[in-house]
Amino acid sequence: METANMMRVNARSGSYAGHGGASHDKQQQHRQKVLALFEAINSGNLDAARHAFQALVNFDASTLADAQFVRLSKFLQAGSIYLAQQLVKEIKSNFANTASQSAAQKKKSQAPALRLDGLHVVDLRA
C-alpha cells in the first residue's frame, strides 16, 4: 500500500488530520478552566483560585472583558474568598436563568407535535 495515498481521519466527525474541531476544543478547554476556577473558589483555596484565574486569563485574555470576571479578579486580589464564592453563585445563577429562558424560547417556537381537530389526530413530527 502506498503511504502517499493514505489520509488520516480524526475520530471527530467533520475533521481531518486534527483540523476542523479546533474551535470546539478551545471552547471545551475554556469551559474546563472556568469550572476549575469555580471549584477552587468554592473549596475556599485562595491560592488555587488565583492560579486558576491566571491560567484562564493566560488561555483567553478576553475573559477580562467580562465585568463579572473583572469583579472576580478584584475579589481574589483582595483575598476575599467569601465575596468570590458569592459572585460564583451569582454567575452560575445567571447562566442557569439564561439557559432556561433560551430553552423556553426554543420550545415556544417549535410547532406542536400533535394537532387535534376533534375528529383526527395529525402527527406533525413526520
N, C-alpha and C. Protein backbone atom coordinates (compact mmCIF):
# COMPACT_ATOMS: atom_id res chain seq x y z
N MET A 1 0.85 -1.18 0.00
CA MET A 1 0.00 0.00 0.00
C MET A 1 0.89 1.23 0.00
N GLU A 2 0.55 2.18 -0.83
CA GLU A 2 1.34 3.40 -0.90
C GLU A 2 0.95 4.34 0.23
N THR A 3 1.95 4.85 0.92
CA THR A 3 1.68 5.76 2.03
C THR A 3 1.29 7.15 1.54
N ALA A 4 1.62 7.49 0.30
CA ALA A 4 1.29 8.80 -0.24
C ALA A 4 -0.22 8.96 -0.43
N ASN A 5 -0.94 7.87 -0.61
CA ASN A 5 -2.38 7.94 -0.85
C ASN A 5 -3.20 7.75 0.41
N MET A 6 -2.56 7.59 1.54
CA MET A 6 -3.29 7.38 2.78
C MET A 6 -3.66 8.73 3.38
N MET A 7 -4.87 8.79 3.95
CA MET A 7 -5.31 10.02 4.60
C MET A 7 -5.70 9.66 6.02
N ARG A 8 -5.21 10.42 6.97
CA ARG A 8 -5.55 10.19 8.36
C ARG A 8 -6.87 10.88 8.67
N VAL A 9 -7.80 10.14 9.21
CA VAL A 9 -9.10 10.71 9.56
C VAL A 9 -9.20 10.71 11.07
N ASN A 10 -9.50 11.87 11.62
CA ASN A 10 -9.64 12.02 13.05
C ASN A 10 -10.96 11.41 13.50
N ALA A 11 -11.04 10.99 14.74
CA ALA A 11 -12.25 10.38 15.27
C ALA A 11 -13.42 11.35 15.30
N ARG A 12 -13.15 12.64 15.42
CA ARG A 12 -14.23 13.63 15.43
C ARG A 12 -14.79 13.79 14.03
N SER A 13 -16.11 13.75 13.92
CA SER A 13 -16.73 13.88 12.61
C SER A 13 -16.48 15.27 12.05
N GLY A 14 -16.25 15.31 10.76
CA GLY A 14 -16.06 16.59 10.11
C GLY A 14 -14.66 17.15 10.22
N SER A 15 -13.74 16.40 10.77
CA SER A 15 -12.38 16.92 10.87
C SER A 15 -11.39 15.90 10.33
N TYR A 16 -10.44 16.39 9.60
CA TYR A 16 -9.42 15.55 9.00
C TYR A 16 -8.06 15.97 9.54
N ALA A 17 -7.28 15.00 9.92
CA ALA A 17 -5.92 15.23 10.41
C ALA A 17 -5.87 16.24 11.54
N GLY A 18 -6.90 16.25 12.38
CA GLY A 18 -6.89 17.11 13.54
C GLY A 18 -7.38 18.52 13.28
N HIS A 19 -7.80 18.83 12.06
CA HIS A 19 -8.28 20.17 11.74
C HIS A 19 -9.81 20.17 11.73
N GLY A 20 -10.41 21.30 12.00
CA GLY A 20 -11.85 21.41 11.90
C GLY A 20 -12.54 21.40 13.25
N GLY A 21 -11.93 20.81 14.24
CA GLY A 21 -12.54 20.77 15.56
C GLY A 21 -11.87 21.73 16.53
N ALA A 22 -11.04 22.63 16.01
CA ALA A 22 -10.24 23.50 16.88
C ALA A 22 -11.11 24.44 17.72
N SER A 23 -12.16 24.99 17.12
CA SER A 23 -12.98 25.92 17.90
C SER A 23 -13.73 25.19 19.00
N HIS A 24 -14.17 23.97 18.71
CA HIS A 24 -14.84 23.17 19.74
C HIS A 24 -13.88 22.84 20.86
N ASP A 25 -12.65 22.47 20.51
CA ASP A 25 -11.64 22.16 21.52
C ASP A 25 -11.34 23.38 22.39
N LYS A 26 -11.24 24.54 21.77
CA LYS A 26 -10.94 25.75 22.52
C LYS A 26 -12.08 26.08 23.47
N GLN A 27 -13.33 25.94 23.01
CA GLN A 27 -14.48 26.18 23.87
C GLN A 27 -14.49 25.22 25.05
N GLN A 28 -14.18 23.96 24.77
CA GLN A 28 -14.16 22.95 25.84
C GLN A 28 -13.05 23.25 26.84
N GLN A 29 -11.89 23.64 26.37
CA GLN A 29 -10.78 23.97 27.27
C GLN A 29 -11.13 25.20 28.11
N HIS A 30 -11.78 26.18 27.49
CA HIS A 30 -12.20 27.38 28.22
C HIS A 30 -13.18 26.99 29.31
N ARG A 31 -14.16 26.16 28.97
CA ARG A 31 -15.16 25.71 29.94
C ARG A 31 -14.49 24.96 31.10
N GLN A 32 -13.50 24.12 30.77
CA GLN A 32 -12.80 23.36 31.81
C GLN A 32 -12.03 24.30 32.74
N LYS A 33 -11.43 25.32 32.18
CA LYS A 33 -10.67 26.27 33.01
C LYS A 33 -11.60 27.09 33.91
N VAL A 34 -12.76 27.46 33.38
CA VAL A 34 -13.73 28.19 34.20
C VAL A 34 -14.23 27.30 35.33
N LEU A 35 -14.54 26.04 35.01
CA LEU A 35 -15.00 25.11 36.04
C LEU A 35 -13.93 24.87 37.10
N ALA A 36 -12.67 24.77 36.67
CA ALA A 36 -11.57 24.59 37.64
C ALA A 36 -11.47 25.82 38.55
N LEU A 37 -11.65 27.00 37.98
CA LEU A 37 -11.64 28.23 38.77
C LEU A 37 -12.78 28.21 39.79
N PHE A 38 -13.98 27.89 39.35
CA PHE A 38 -15.12 27.86 40.25
C PHE A 38 -14.94 26.82 41.35
N GLU A 39 -14.37 25.66 41.02
CA GLU A 39 -14.13 24.63 42.03
C GLU A 39 -13.13 25.12 43.07
N ALA A 40 -12.06 25.77 42.61
CA ALA A 40 -11.05 26.28 43.54
C ALA A 40 -11.65 27.33 44.47
N ILE A 41 -12.47 28.20 43.90
CA ILE A 41 -13.11 29.24 44.72
C ILE A 41 -14.06 28.61 45.72
N ASN A 42 -14.90 27.70 45.25
CA ASN A 42 -15.88 27.06 46.14
C ASN A 42 -15.22 26.23 47.24
N SER A 43 -14.02 25.72 46.97
CA SER A 43 -13.32 24.94 48.00
C SER A 43 -12.69 25.85 49.05
N GLY A 44 -12.62 27.15 48.75
CA GLY A 44 -12.04 28.09 49.70
C GLY A 44 -10.54 28.23 49.59
N ASN A 45 -9.94 27.65 48.58
CA ASN A 45 -8.49 27.68 48.41
C ASN A 45 -8.12 28.91 47.58
N LEU A 46 -7.73 29.98 48.27
CA LEU A 46 -7.44 31.25 47.62
C LEU A 46 -6.28 31.15 46.65
N ASP A 47 -5.19 30.47 47.05
CA ASP A 47 -4.02 30.35 46.16
C ASP A 47 -4.38 29.58 44.89
N ALA A 48 -5.10 28.48 45.03
CA ALA A 48 -5.51 27.69 43.86
C ALA A 48 -6.45 28.51 42.97
N ALA A 49 -7.32 29.29 43.59
CA ALA A 49 -8.25 30.13 42.82
C ALA A 49 -7.49 31.19 42.03
N ARG A 50 -6.48 31.79 42.65
CA ARG A 50 -5.67 32.80 41.95
C ARG A 50 -4.94 32.18 40.77
N HIS A 51 -4.37 31.00 40.99
CA HIS A 51 -3.66 30.31 39.90
C HIS A 51 -4.62 29.91 38.79
N ALA A 52 -5.79 29.42 39.16
CA ALA A 52 -6.78 29.03 38.15
C ALA A 52 -7.25 30.24 37.36
N PHE A 53 -7.43 31.38 38.03
CA PHE A 53 -7.85 32.59 37.33
C PHE A 53 -6.75 33.03 36.36
N GLN A 54 -5.50 32.99 36.81
CA GLN A 54 -4.40 33.38 35.93
C GLN A 54 -4.29 32.44 34.73
N ALA A 55 -4.51 31.15 34.95
CA ALA A 55 -4.48 30.18 33.84
C ALA A 55 -5.59 30.49 32.84
N LEU A 56 -6.75 30.86 33.32
CA LEU A 56 -7.87 31.21 32.45
C LEU A 56 -7.55 32.45 31.63
N VAL A 57 -7.00 33.47 32.27
CA VAL A 57 -6.66 34.70 31.56
C VAL A 57 -5.53 34.45 30.56
N ASN A 58 -4.56 33.63 30.94
CA ASN A 58 -3.47 33.30 30.01
C ASN A 58 -4.02 32.55 28.79
N PHE A 59 -5.01 31.72 29.00
CA PHE A 59 -5.61 30.96 27.90
C PHE A 59 -6.47 31.85 27.02
N ASP A 60 -7.25 32.74 27.64
CA ASP A 60 -8.17 33.60 26.90
C ASP A 60 -8.23 34.97 27.57
N ALA A 61 -7.45 35.89 27.04
CA ALA A 61 -7.36 37.23 27.63
C ALA A 61 -8.68 37.99 27.56
N SER A 62 -9.57 37.57 26.65
CA SER A 62 -10.86 38.26 26.54
C SER A 62 -11.74 38.03 27.77
N THR A 63 -11.32 37.14 28.64
CA THR A 63 -12.04 36.91 29.90
C THR A 63 -12.13 38.21 30.69
N LEU A 64 -11.09 39.04 30.59
CA LEU A 64 -11.07 40.30 31.33
C LEU A 64 -12.01 41.34 30.75
N ALA A 65 -12.65 41.03 29.62
CA ALA A 65 -13.65 41.94 29.05
C ALA A 65 -15.02 41.72 29.70
N ASP A 66 -15.16 40.62 30.44
CA ASP A 66 -16.41 40.30 31.11
C ASP A 66 -16.40 40.96 32.50
N ALA A 67 -17.39 41.81 32.76
CA ALA A 67 -17.43 42.58 34.01
C ALA A 67 -17.45 41.68 35.24
N GLN A 68 -18.13 40.54 35.16
CA GLN A 68 -18.18 39.66 36.32
C GLN A 68 -16.82 39.03 36.62
N PHE A 69 -16.07 38.71 35.58
CA PHE A 69 -14.74 38.15 35.81
C PHE A 69 -13.76 39.22 36.29
N VAL A 70 -13.98 40.47 35.90
CA VAL A 70 -13.16 41.56 36.43
C VAL A 70 -13.42 41.70 37.93
N ARG A 71 -14.69 41.66 38.32
CA ARG A 71 -15.03 41.71 39.76
C ARG A 71 -14.41 40.53 40.50
N LEU A 72 -14.50 39.35 39.88
CA LEU A 72 -13.93 38.15 40.50
C LEU A 72 -12.42 38.32 40.69
N SER A 73 -11.76 38.88 39.71
CA SER A 73 -10.32 39.13 39.80
C SER A 73 -10.00 40.05 40.97
N LYS A 74 -10.80 41.11 41.13
CA LYS A 74 -10.57 42.06 42.22
C LYS A 74 -10.78 41.39 43.58
N PHE A 75 -11.80 40.56 43.69
CA PHE A 75 -12.03 39.85 44.95
C PHE A 75 -10.87 38.92 45.28
N LEU A 76 -10.36 38.22 44.28
CA LEU A 76 -9.24 37.31 44.51
C LEU A 76 -7.97 38.08 44.88
N GLN A 77 -7.74 39.21 44.22
CA GLN A 77 -6.57 40.03 44.54
C GLN A 77 -6.65 40.58 45.95
N ALA A 78 -7.86 40.90 46.39
CA ALA A 78 -8.05 41.45 47.74
C ALA A 78 -8.06 40.35 48.80
N GLY A 79 -8.06 39.10 48.36
CA GLY A 79 -8.05 37.98 49.31
C GLY A 79 -9.42 37.67 49.89
N SER A 80 -10.47 38.12 49.24
CA SER A 80 -11.82 37.91 49.74
C SER A 80 -12.46 36.70 49.06
N ILE A 81 -12.16 35.53 49.60
CA ILE A 81 -12.69 34.29 49.02
C ILE A 81 -14.21 34.22 49.21
N TYR A 82 -14.72 34.77 50.31
CA TYR A 82 -16.16 34.74 50.54
C TYR A 82 -16.92 35.51 49.45
N LEU A 83 -16.44 36.73 49.13
CA LEU A 83 -17.09 37.51 48.08
C LEU A 83 -16.96 36.83 46.72
N ALA A 84 -15.81 36.19 46.49
CA ALA A 84 -15.62 35.44 45.24
C ALA A 84 -16.61 34.28 45.17
N GLN A 85 -16.82 33.60 46.29
CA GLN A 85 -17.79 32.50 46.31
C GLN A 85 -19.21 33.00 46.02
N GLN A 86 -19.56 34.14 46.58
CA GLN A 86 -20.88 34.71 46.33
C GLN A 86 -21.05 35.09 44.86
N LEU A 87 -19.99 35.64 44.27
CA LEU A 87 -20.05 36.01 42.86
C LEU A 87 -20.16 34.78 41.97
N VAL A 88 -19.47 33.71 42.31
CA VAL A 88 -19.58 32.47 41.54
C VAL A 88 -21.01 31.95 41.58
N LYS A 89 -21.65 32.03 42.74
CA LYS A 89 -23.06 31.63 42.83
C LYS A 89 -23.92 32.48 41.91
N GLU A 90 -23.64 33.79 41.90
CA GLU A 90 -24.40 34.71 41.05
C GLU A 90 -24.18 34.40 39.57
N ILE A 91 -22.94 34.13 39.19
CA ILE A 91 -22.61 33.80 37.79
C ILE A 91 -23.34 32.53 37.38
N LYS A 92 -23.28 31.51 38.23
CA LYS A 92 -23.95 30.24 37.91
C LYS A 92 -25.46 30.44 37.81
N SER A 93 -26.02 31.24 38.69
CA SER A 93 -27.45 31.51 38.68
C SER A 93 -27.85 32.24 37.39
N ASN A 94 -27.07 33.24 37.02
CA ASN A 94 -27.35 33.97 35.78
C ASN A 94 -27.26 33.06 34.57
N PHE A 95 -26.27 32.18 34.57
CA PHE A 95 -26.10 31.25 33.46
C PHE A 95 -27.28 30.28 33.39
N ALA A 96 -27.70 29.77 34.54
CA ALA A 96 -28.83 28.83 34.56
C ALA A 96 -30.11 29.51 34.10
N ASN A 97 -30.33 30.76 34.53
CA ASN A 97 -31.52 31.50 34.11
C ASN A 97 -31.50 31.76 32.61
N THR A 98 -30.34 32.13 32.07
CA THR A 98 -30.22 32.39 30.64
C THR A 98 -30.47 31.11 29.85
N ALA A 99 -29.92 30.00 30.33
CA ALA A 99 -30.11 28.73 29.63
C ALA A 99 -31.56 28.29 29.66
N SER A 100 -32.24 28.46 30.79
CA SER A 100 -33.64 28.03 30.88
C SER A 100 -34.53 28.94 30.03
N GLN A 101 -34.23 30.23 29.98
CA GLN A 101 -35.00 31.14 29.13
C GLN A 101 -34.80 30.79 27.66
N SER A 102 -33.58 30.44 27.30
CA SER A 102 -33.30 30.06 25.92
C SER A 102 -34.04 28.78 25.56
N ALA A 103 -34.06 27.82 26.48
CA ALA A 103 -34.78 26.57 26.22
C ALA A 103 -36.28 26.81 26.12
N ALA A 104 -36.81 27.69 26.96
CA ALA A 104 -38.24 28.00 26.92
C ALA A 104 -38.59 28.69 25.61
N GLN A 105 -37.74 29.59 25.15
CA GLN A 105 -37.98 30.30 23.89
C GLN A 105 -37.95 29.31 22.73
N LYS A 106 -37.00 28.38 22.77
CA LYS A 106 -36.88 27.38 21.71
C LYS A 106 -38.12 26.49 21.69
N LYS A 107 -38.60 26.12 22.87
CA LYS A 107 -39.76 25.26 22.98
C LYS A 107 -41.00 25.96 22.43
N LYS A 108 -41.14 27.27 22.70
CA LYS A 108 -42.27 28.04 22.20
C LYS A 108 -42.27 28.12 20.69
N SER A 109 -41.09 28.23 20.09
CA SER A 109 -41.00 28.43 18.65
C SER A 109 -41.26 27.16 17.87
N GLN A 110 -41.21 25.99 18.50
CA GLN A 110 -41.45 24.74 17.81
C GLN A 110 -42.95 24.50 17.66
N ALA A 111 -43.32 23.96 16.51
CA ALA A 111 -44.73 23.63 16.28
C ALA A 111 -45.12 22.44 17.15
N PRO A 112 -46.37 22.37 17.56
CA PRO A 112 -46.79 21.23 18.37
C PRO A 112 -46.66 19.94 17.57
N ALA A 113 -46.30 18.88 18.25
CA ALA A 113 -46.08 17.60 17.58
C ALA A 113 -47.40 16.98 17.12
N LEU A 114 -48.47 17.17 17.88
CA LEU A 114 -49.77 16.59 17.54
C LEU A 114 -50.80 17.70 17.44
N ARG A 115 -51.69 17.56 16.49
CA ARG A 115 -52.75 18.54 16.35
C ARG A 115 -54.09 17.80 16.30
N LEU A 116 -54.99 18.25 17.11
CA LEU A 116 -56.31 17.63 17.18
C LEU A 116 -57.33 18.59 16.58
N ASP A 117 -58.23 18.05 15.75
CA ASP A 117 -59.29 18.89 15.22
C ASP A 117 -60.67 18.37 15.63
N GLY A 118 -60.71 17.50 16.58
CA GLY A 118 -61.97 16.93 17.05
C GLY A 118 -62.22 15.55 16.49
N LEU A 119 -61.84 15.33 15.22
CA LEU A 119 -62.05 14.03 14.58
C LEU A 119 -60.76 13.30 14.29
N HIS A 120 -59.69 14.08 14.02
CA HIS A 120 -58.44 13.48 13.58
C HIS A 120 -57.29 13.89 14.47
N VAL A 121 -56.30 13.03 14.52
CA VAL A 121 -55.03 13.34 15.17
C VAL A 121 -53.97 13.35 14.09
N VAL A 122 -53.29 14.47 13.96
CA VAL A 122 -52.27 14.60 12.92
C VAL A 122 -50.92 14.70 13.61
N ASP A 123 -50.01 13.80 13.22
CA ASP A 123 -48.65 13.80 13.77
C ASP A 123 -47.79 14.66 12.86
N LEU A 124 -47.37 15.82 13.37
CA LEU A 124 -46.58 16.75 12.57
C LEU A 124 -45.08 16.48 12.63
N ARG A 125 -44.68 15.48 13.40
CA ARG A 125 -43.26 15.17 13.54
C ARG A 125 -42.71 14.46 12.31
N ALA A 126 -43.54 13.84 11.54
CA ALA A 126 -43.08 13.05 10.39
C ALA A 126 -42.62 13.88 9.25
